[in-house]
N, C-alpha and C. Protein backbone atom coordinates (compact mmCIF):
# COMPACT_ATOMS: atom_id res chain seq x y z
N UNK A 1 0.91 -1.19 -0.03
CA UNK A 1 -0.28 0.07 -0.15
C UNK A 1 0.57 1.48 -0.18
N UNK A 2 0.19 2.26 -0.95
CA UNK A 2 1.78 3.43 -0.80
C UNK A 2 0.77 4.26 0.39
N UNK A 3 1.90 5.10 0.55
CA UNK A 3 1.59 5.62 2.01
C UNK A 3 1.23 7.44 1.72
N UNK A 4 0.49 7.81 1.89
CA UNK A 4 -0.24 9.26 1.89
C UNK A 4 0.96 10.61 1.55
N UNK A 5 1.50 10.59 0.88
CA UNK A 5 2.49 12.11 0.87
C UNK A 5 1.96 13.21 1.40
N UNK A 6 3.01 13.75 1.94
CA UNK A 6 2.74 15.18 2.70
C UNK A 6 3.72 16.14 2.58
N UNK A 7 3.39 17.04 2.61
CA UNK A 7 4.96 18.26 2.78
C UNK A 7 5.81 18.00 3.53
N UNK A 8 6.76 18.66 3.71
CA UNK A 8 7.89 18.21 5.09
C UNK A 8 7.24 19.48 6.18
N UNK A 9 6.73 20.37 6.09
CA UNK A 9 6.27 21.45 7.17
C UNK A 9 5.29 20.36 7.81
N UNK A 10 4.25 19.90 6.77
CA UNK A 10 3.26 18.86 8.11
C UNK A 10 3.71 17.82 8.73
N UNK A 11 5.01 17.09 7.54
CA UNK A 11 5.87 16.06 8.65
C UNK A 11 6.32 16.12 9.69
N UNK A 12 7.13 17.73 10.02
CA UNK A 12 7.69 17.94 10.75
C UNK A 12 6.85 18.20 12.30
N UNK A 13 6.08 18.39 11.85
CA UNK A 13 4.68 19.39 13.08
C UNK A 13 4.29 17.97 13.05
N UNK A 14 4.50 16.60 12.87
CA UNK A 14 3.51 15.75 12.80
C UNK A 14 4.87 15.18 14.17
N UNK A 15 6.39 15.42 14.01
CA UNK A 15 7.36 14.40 14.57
C UNK A 15 7.32 15.01 15.53
N UNK A 16 7.04 16.59 15.44
CA UNK A 16 7.50 16.84 16.96
C UNK A 16 6.64 16.64 18.41
N UNK A 17 4.78 16.88 17.26
CA UNK A 17 4.07 16.35 18.51
C UNK A 17 4.21 14.86 19.36
N UNK A 18 4.71 14.06 18.33
CA UNK A 18 5.06 12.83 19.00
C UNK A 18 6.53 12.64 19.68
N UNK A 19 6.69 13.39 19.71
CA UNK A 19 8.12 13.72 20.27
C UNK A 19 8.21 14.35 21.44
N UNK A 20 7.22 14.91 21.44
CA UNK A 20 6.69 15.84 22.68
C UNK A 20 6.24 15.01 23.79
N UNK A 21 5.45 13.89 22.96
CA UNK A 21 4.29 12.70 24.08
C UNK A 21 3.37 12.73 23.17
N UNK A 22 2.68 13.69 22.01
CA UNK A 22 1.37 13.24 22.24
C UNK A 22 0.90 11.66 21.62
N UNK A 23 -0.08 11.16 21.83
CA UNK A 23 0.08 10.24 21.37
C UNK A 23 -1.65 10.80 19.76
N UNK A 24 -1.41 9.02 19.05
CA UNK A 24 -1.99 9.83 17.69
C UNK A 24 -3.68 10.69 18.22
N UNK A 25 -4.54 10.03 18.85
CA UNK A 25 -5.79 10.28 18.96
C UNK A 25 -5.52 11.45 19.79
N UNK A 26 -4.46 11.91 20.68
CA UNK A 26 -4.50 13.04 21.48
C UNK A 26 -4.28 14.66 20.32
N UNK A 27 -3.48 13.85 19.57
CA UNK A 27 -3.09 14.91 18.64
C UNK A 27 -3.83 14.74 17.71
N UNK A 28 -4.58 14.41 17.09
CA UNK A 28 -5.36 14.57 16.41
C UNK A 28 -7.19 15.13 17.28
N UNK A 29 -7.42 14.99 18.28
CA UNK A 29 -8.29 15.51 19.35
C UNK A 29 -7.77 17.56 19.13
N UNK A 30 -6.70 17.89 19.03
CA UNK A 30 -5.83 18.96 19.43
C UNK A 30 -6.43 19.93 17.85
N UNK A 31 -5.65 19.00 17.26
CA UNK A 31 -5.93 19.75 16.12
C UNK A 31 -7.64 19.68 15.39
N UNK A 32 -8.52 18.45 15.39
CA UNK A 32 -9.52 18.81 15.64
C UNK A 32 -10.55 20.30 16.53
N UNK A 33 -9.83 20.55 17.88
CA UNK A 33 -10.51 21.71 18.83
C UNK A 33 -9.39 22.96 17.95
N UNK A 34 -8.76 22.70 17.46
CA UNK A 34 -7.91 23.73 16.97
C UNK A 34 -7.15 24.46 18.33
N UNK A 35 -6.57 23.78 18.85
CA UNK A 35 -6.06 24.25 19.97
C UNK A 35 -4.54 24.94 19.74
N UNK A 36 -4.21 25.55 19.27
CA UNK A 36 -3.33 26.37 18.91
C UNK A 36 -1.87 26.64 19.73
N UNK A 37 -2.45 27.41 21.50
CA UNK A 37 -2.29 27.51 22.31
C UNK A 37 -0.76 26.51 23.15
N UNK A 38 -2.02 24.82 22.66
CA UNK A 38 -1.17 23.67 23.32
C UNK A 38 -0.16 23.12 22.18
N UNK A 39 -0.11 23.52 20.86
CA UNK A 39 0.37 23.00 20.30
C UNK A 39 1.96 24.06 20.05
N UNK A 40 1.75 25.34 20.40
CA UNK A 40 2.77 26.09 20.67
C UNK A 40 4.01 26.10 21.64
N UNK A 41 2.93 25.17 22.51
CA UNK A 41 3.90 24.60 23.52
C UNK A 41 5.87 23.67 23.11
N UNK A 42 5.11 23.59 21.85
CA UNK A 42 6.02 22.55 21.23
C UNK A 42 7.00 23.13 20.73
N UNK A 43 6.74 24.18 20.21
CA UNK A 43 7.50 24.63 19.58
C UNK A 43 8.95 24.67 18.44
N UNK A 44 9.96 24.60 18.73
CA UNK A 44 11.02 24.45 17.98
C UNK A 44 11.43 25.34 16.31
N UNK A 45 11.02 26.25 16.97
CA UNK A 45 10.89 27.02 15.33
C UNK A 45 10.37 27.21 14.78
N UNK A 46 8.56 26.51 15.07
CA UNK A 46 7.54 25.88 13.50
C UNK A 46 7.02 27.19 13.84
N UNK A 47 6.87 28.02 12.72
CA UNK A 47 5.79 29.55 12.72
C UNK A 47 4.67 29.24 12.91
N UNK A 48 3.76 28.59 12.28
CA UNK A 48 2.74 28.40 11.95
C UNK A 48 1.94 27.12 12.38
N UNK A 49 1.05 26.95 13.28
CA UNK A 49 0.54 25.70 14.02
C UNK A 49 -1.17 25.65 13.26
N UNK A 50 -1.24 27.03 13.38
CA UNK A 50 -2.90 26.83 12.62
C UNK A 50 -2.63 26.64 10.97
N UNK A 51 -1.37 26.85 10.37
CA UNK A 51 -0.93 25.98 8.98
C UNK A 51 -1.95 24.44 8.97
N UNK A 52 -0.87 23.69 9.56
CA UNK A 52 -1.30 22.36 10.16
C UNK A 52 -3.00 22.16 10.14
N UNK A 53 -3.81 23.21 11.19
CA UNK A 53 -5.27 22.22 11.87
C UNK A 53 -5.98 23.13 10.39
N UNK A 54 -5.36 24.46 9.95
CA UNK A 54 -6.03 24.62 8.61
C UNK A 54 -6.14 23.20 7.67
N UNK A 55 -5.09 22.76 7.32
CA UNK A 55 -4.72 21.95 6.42
C UNK A 55 -5.87 20.62 6.80
N UNK A 56 -5.38 19.99 8.24
CA UNK A 56 -6.70 19.26 8.46
C UNK A 56 -7.44 19.12 8.36
N UNK A 57 -7.77 20.61 9.01
CA UNK A 57 -9.68 20.16 8.64
C UNK A 57 -10.31 20.19 7.17
N UNK A 58 -8.67 21.10 5.87
CA UNK A 58 -9.92 20.72 5.16
C UNK A 58 -8.98 19.28 3.98
N UNK A 59 -8.32 18.29 5.33
CA UNK A 59 -7.78 17.27 4.03
C UNK A 59 -7.53 16.11 5.75
N UNK A 60 -8.74 15.96 6.56
CA UNK A 60 -9.34 15.34 7.39
C UNK A 60 -8.33 14.04 7.27
N UNK A 61 -8.70 12.59 6.24
CA UNK A 61 -8.89 11.83 5.95
C UNK A 61 -7.24 11.59 5.99
N UNK A 62 -6.60 12.98 4.71
CA UNK A 62 -5.10 12.73 4.66
C UNK A 62 -3.96 12.65 5.74
N UNK A 63 -4.26 13.88 6.64
CA UNK A 63 -3.73 13.42 8.05
C UNK A 63 -3.97 12.65 8.74
N UNK A 64 -5.07 12.43 9.20
CA UNK A 64 -5.10 10.93 10.26
C UNK A 64 -4.84 9.64 9.53
N UNK A 65 -4.27 9.86 8.17
CA UNK A 65 -3.94 8.31 7.46
C UNK A 65 -2.42 9.24 7.61
N UNK A 66 -1.98 10.03 7.42
CA UNK A 66 -0.72 10.26 8.15
C UNK A 66 -0.34 9.95 9.20
N UNK A 67 -0.58 10.43 10.31
CA UNK A 67 -0.69 10.03 11.75
C UNK A 67 -0.48 8.88 12.07
N UNK A 68 -1.55 8.04 11.03
CA UNK A 68 -2.14 6.47 12.39
C UNK A 68 -1.11 5.66 11.79
N UNK A 69 -1.04 5.98 9.98
CA UNK A 69 -0.16 4.41 8.98
C UNK A 69 1.09 5.43 8.78
N UNK A 70 1.48 6.26 8.44
CA UNK A 70 3.01 6.89 8.18
C UNK A 70 2.61 7.64 6.65
N UNK A 71 3.70 7.94 6.53
CA UNK A 71 3.62 8.95 4.87
C UNK A 71 5.22 9.06 4.50
N UNK A 72 4.96 9.39 3.43
CA UNK A 72 5.84 10.16 2.63
C UNK A 72 6.30 11.22 2.01
N UNK A 73 7.29 11.58 3.02
CA UNK A 73 7.90 13.02 2.30
C UNK A 73 7.88 13.38 0.72
N UNK A 74 7.10 14.66 0.56
CA UNK A 74 6.99 14.86 -0.91
C UNK A 74 8.45 15.59 -1.70
N UNK A 75 9.54 16.11 -0.54
CA UNK A 75 10.61 16.46 -1.42
C UNK A 75 11.43 17.09 0.19
N UNK A 76 13.06 16.50 -0.23
CA UNK A 76 13.72 17.04 1.40
C UNK A 76 15.04 17.73 0.79
N UNK A 77 15.11 19.48 0.98
CA UNK A 77 16.45 19.83 0.77
C UNK A 77 17.18 18.54 2.08
N UNK A 78 18.47 18.98 1.85
CA UNK A 78 19.57 18.40 2.32
C UNK A 78 18.90 18.72 3.92
N UNK A 79 18.83 20.33 4.54
CA UNK A 79 19.26 21.19 5.32
C UNK A 79 17.82 20.32 6.12
N UNK A 80 16.80 20.36 5.29
CA UNK A 80 15.47 19.95 5.78
C UNK A 80 15.67 18.09 6.53
N UNK A 81 16.17 17.28 5.73
CA UNK A 81 16.43 15.92 6.12
C UNK A 81 17.52 16.13 7.54
N UNK A 82 18.06 16.92 7.32
CA UNK A 82 18.96 17.16 8.99
C UNK A 82 17.89 17.29 9.60
N UNK A 83 17.20 18.09 9.60
CA UNK A 83 16.27 18.39 10.92
C UNK A 83 15.16 17.27 10.59
N UNK A 84 14.62 16.32 10.13
CA UNK A 84 14.12 14.81 9.91
C UNK A 84 14.50 14.22 11.10
N UNK A 85 16.42 14.41 10.43
CA UNK A 85 17.10 13.16 11.94
C UNK A 85 16.86 13.93 13.23
N UNK A 86 16.95 14.95 12.64
CA UNK A 86 16.89 15.50 14.82
C UNK A 86 15.79 15.52 15.28
N UNK A 87 15.14 15.84 14.65
CA UNK A 87 13.38 15.85 15.31
C UNK A 87 12.83 15.03 15.20
N UNK A 88 12.99 13.46 14.21
CA UNK A 88 12.36 12.38 14.32
C UNK A 88 13.16 11.12 14.75
N UNK A 89 14.56 11.34 15.05
CA UNK A 89 15.55 9.99 15.50
C UNK A 89 16.82 10.74 16.52
N UNK A 90 16.38 12.09 16.75
CA UNK A 90 17.37 12.77 17.78
C UNK A 90 18.68 12.43 17.03
N UNK A 91 19.16 12.53 16.34
CA UNK A 91 20.11 12.61 15.72
C UNK A 91 20.79 13.43 15.39
N UNK A 92 21.97 13.74 15.92
CA UNK A 92 23.13 15.06 15.70
C UNK A 92 24.18 14.98 15.14
N UNK A 93 23.80 16.35 14.18
CA UNK A 93 25.07 16.15 12.96
C UNK A 93 26.46 16.48 13.96
N UNK A 94 27.88 15.80 13.69
CA UNK A 94 29.30 14.89 13.43
C UNK A 94 28.84 14.49 14.92
N UNK A 95 27.94 14.28 15.20
CA UNK A 95 27.78 13.17 16.42
C UNK A 95 27.06 11.21 15.88
N UNK A 96 26.14 11.63 15.45
CA UNK A 96 25.10 10.44 14.75
C UNK A 96 25.42 10.54 13.00
N UNK A 97 25.94 11.44 12.71
CA UNK A 97 25.79 11.33 11.26
C UNK A 97 27.02 12.56 10.36
N UNK A 98 27.32 12.74 9.04
CA UNK A 98 28.54 13.13 8.85
C UNK A 98 28.15 14.04 7.42
N UNK A 99 27.97 15.32 7.41
CA UNK A 99 27.16 15.98 5.84
C UNK A 99 28.72 15.99 5.23
N UNK A 100 28.54 15.27 4.41
CA UNK A 100 29.67 15.10 3.35
C UNK A 100 29.78 15.57 1.70
N UNK A 101 28.46 16.89 1.81
CA UNK A 101 28.46 17.68 0.81
C UNK A 101 27.22 17.40 0.02
N UNK A 102 27.38 16.36 -1.07
CA UNK A 102 25.82 15.89 -1.66
C UNK A 102 25.12 14.69 -0.88
N UNK A 103 25.46 14.53 0.20
CA UNK A 103 25.37 13.46 0.97
C UNK A 103 25.27 13.51 2.63
N UNK A 104 24.83 12.63 3.57
CA UNK A 104 24.82 12.83 4.74
C UNK A 104 25.79 10.77 4.66
N UNK A 105 26.75 10.79 5.23
CA UNK A 105 27.44 9.67 5.27
C UNK A 105 27.80 9.49 7.05
N UNK A 106 27.54 8.19 7.03
CA UNK A 106 27.71 7.57 8.66
C UNK A 106 26.63 7.70 9.26
N UNK A 107 25.43 7.40 8.94
CA UNK A 107 24.06 8.18 9.90
C UNK A 107 24.47 6.74 10.44
N UNK A 108 23.72 6.72 11.51
CA UNK A 108 23.95 6.04 12.90
C UNK A 108 22.15 5.70 13.25
N UNK A 109 21.73 4.65 12.57
CA UNK A 109 20.32 4.77 12.69
C UNK A 109 20.16 2.51 13.09
N UNK A 110 19.10 2.36 14.06
CA UNK A 110 18.61 1.25 14.18
C UNK A 110 17.87 0.79 13.12
N UNK A 111 18.08 -0.85 13.09
CA UNK A 111 17.38 -1.23 11.49
C UNK A 111 16.27 -1.26 12.02
N UNK A 112 15.73 -1.02 12.67
CA UNK A 112 13.72 -0.77 12.63
C UNK A 112 13.76 0.86 11.76
N UNK A 113 14.63 1.60 12.79
CA UNK A 113 14.70 3.45 12.70
C UNK A 113 15.07 3.46 10.91
N UNK A 114 15.99 2.88 10.89
CA UNK A 114 16.67 2.89 9.20
C UNK A 114 15.42 2.16 7.77
N UNK A 115 14.87 1.52 8.79
CA UNK A 115 13.01 0.81 7.88
C UNK A 115 12.36 2.19 7.46
N UNK A 116 11.92 2.73 8.72
CA UNK A 116 11.08 3.48 9.52
C UNK A 116 11.18 4.86 8.34
N UNK A 117 12.82 5.17 8.22
CA UNK A 117 13.39 6.65 7.60
C UNK A 117 12.91 6.14 5.90
N UNK A 118 13.29 4.96 6.00
CA UNK A 118 13.34 4.28 4.46
C UNK A 118 11.59 5.02 3.32
N UNK A 119 11.12 4.35 4.94
CA UNK A 119 10.00 4.73 4.11
C UNK A 119 9.07 5.45 3.98
N UNK A 120 9.08 6.99 4.72
CA UNK A 120 9.02 8.55 4.85
C UNK A 120 9.80 8.87 3.97
N UNK A 121 11.23 8.85 3.44
CA UNK A 121 11.55 9.63 3.09
C UNK A 121 11.13 10.27 1.56
N UNK A 122 11.84 11.29 0.92
CA UNK A 122 11.53 11.84 0.18
C UNK A 122 12.12 11.16 -1.42
N UNK A 123 11.47 11.31 -2.17
CA UNK A 123 12.36 10.16 -3.74
C UNK A 123 13.52 10.89 -3.85
N UNK A 124 13.87 12.16 -3.45
CA UNK A 124 14.99 12.68 -4.11
C UNK A 124 15.93 12.03 -3.35
N UNK A 125 15.92 11.71 -2.01
CA UNK A 125 17.23 10.93 -1.40
C UNK A 125 16.90 9.17 -1.57
N UNK A 126 18.29 8.72 -1.42
CA UNK A 126 18.20 6.77 -0.86
C UNK A 126 18.86 7.17 -0.19
N UNK A 127 18.61 5.34 0.47
CA UNK A 127 19.90 5.04 1.69
C UNK A 127 20.45 4.26 0.71
N UNK A 128 21.76 4.37 1.09
CA UNK A 128 22.67 3.33 1.20
C UNK A 128 23.17 2.44 2.04
N UNK A 129 23.91 1.60 1.00
CA UNK A 129 24.35 0.53 3.09
C UNK A 129 25.78 0.52 2.46
N UNK A 130 26.28 0.98 3.42
CA UNK A 130 27.58 0.70 3.11
C UNK A 130 28.23 -0.24 3.62
N UNK A 131 29.50 -0.57 3.43
CA UNK A 131 30.22 -1.91 4.16
C UNK A 131 29.87 -1.72 5.62
N UNK A 132 30.77 -0.32 5.76
CA UNK A 132 30.67 -0.39 7.38
C UNK A 132 29.02 -0.61 7.85
N UNK A 133 28.91 -0.49 9.29
CA UNK A 133 27.67 -0.69 9.82
C UNK A 133 26.58 0.24 9.81
N UNK A 134 27.16 1.87 9.41
CA UNK A 134 26.00 2.91 9.30
C UNK A 134 26.15 2.63 7.69
N UNK A 135 24.87 3.38 7.51
CA UNK A 135 24.64 3.81 6.11
C UNK A 135 24.89 5.46 5.71
N UNK A 136 24.16 5.79 4.43
CA UNK A 136 24.46 6.99 3.61
C UNK A 136 23.07 7.41 2.98
N UNK A 137 23.35 8.44 3.36
CA UNK A 137 21.80 9.01 2.52
C UNK A 137 22.07 9.82 1.08
N UNK A 138 22.04 9.12 0.59
CA UNK A 138 22.14 10.10 -1.12
C UNK A 138 21.71 10.77 -2.29
N UNK A 139 21.52 12.12 -2.28
CA UNK A 139 20.88 12.84 -3.22
C UNK A 139 20.45 12.03 -4.76
N UNK A 140 19.32 11.72 -5.27
CA UNK A 140 19.13 11.24 -6.09
C UNK A 140 19.29 11.86 -7.42
N UNK A 141 19.73 12.21 -8.61
CA UNK A 141 19.79 13.35 -9.81
C UNK A 141 18.67 12.31 -10.06
N UNK A 142 17.71 12.74 -10.69
CA UNK A 142 16.28 12.07 -11.77
C UNK A 142 16.68 12.68 -13.03
N UNK A 143 16.99 11.91 -13.59
CA UNK A 143 17.69 13.16 -14.92
C UNK A 143 17.21 12.45 -16.31
N UNK A 144 16.33 13.77 -16.39
CA UNK A 144 15.44 12.99 -17.81
C UNK A 144 15.85 12.86 -19.17
N UNK A 145 15.72 12.18 -20.14
CA UNK A 145 16.40 12.04 -21.07
C UNK A 145 15.92 13.46 -22.25
N UNK A 146 16.59 13.09 -23.40
CA UNK A 146 15.63 14.97 -23.92
C UNK A 146 15.70 14.08 -25.28
């Protein structure tokens, strides 16, 4: 089954709520009741929780599915990928992974976390298993034939 596609900003907000300790149903109830004040406590630089709340009310089934069964991010820049690794998996650059230019190297994730990341990662990135115990996440270049 294909996962629901979700923009990065919504994915990060969902992951922040999860990291903050909100369960799926509790988080959905906050969105349903438009409880911006509680969501703003989560913080971490997210500028506008009202955007997610409005999106939820316009696309309720999509957000419910994303929260309850997972999602795939539509597009990721390298900086956004680093933010996702920090928020979702508590990984710190130069401690749990290295920025090697066009890719992130020596990404330190458990097999379970790696599979979870593989399922949500935008199609413009590829996870490459190295000979080492860790993996690299490389930018995928889609070359169109002319």
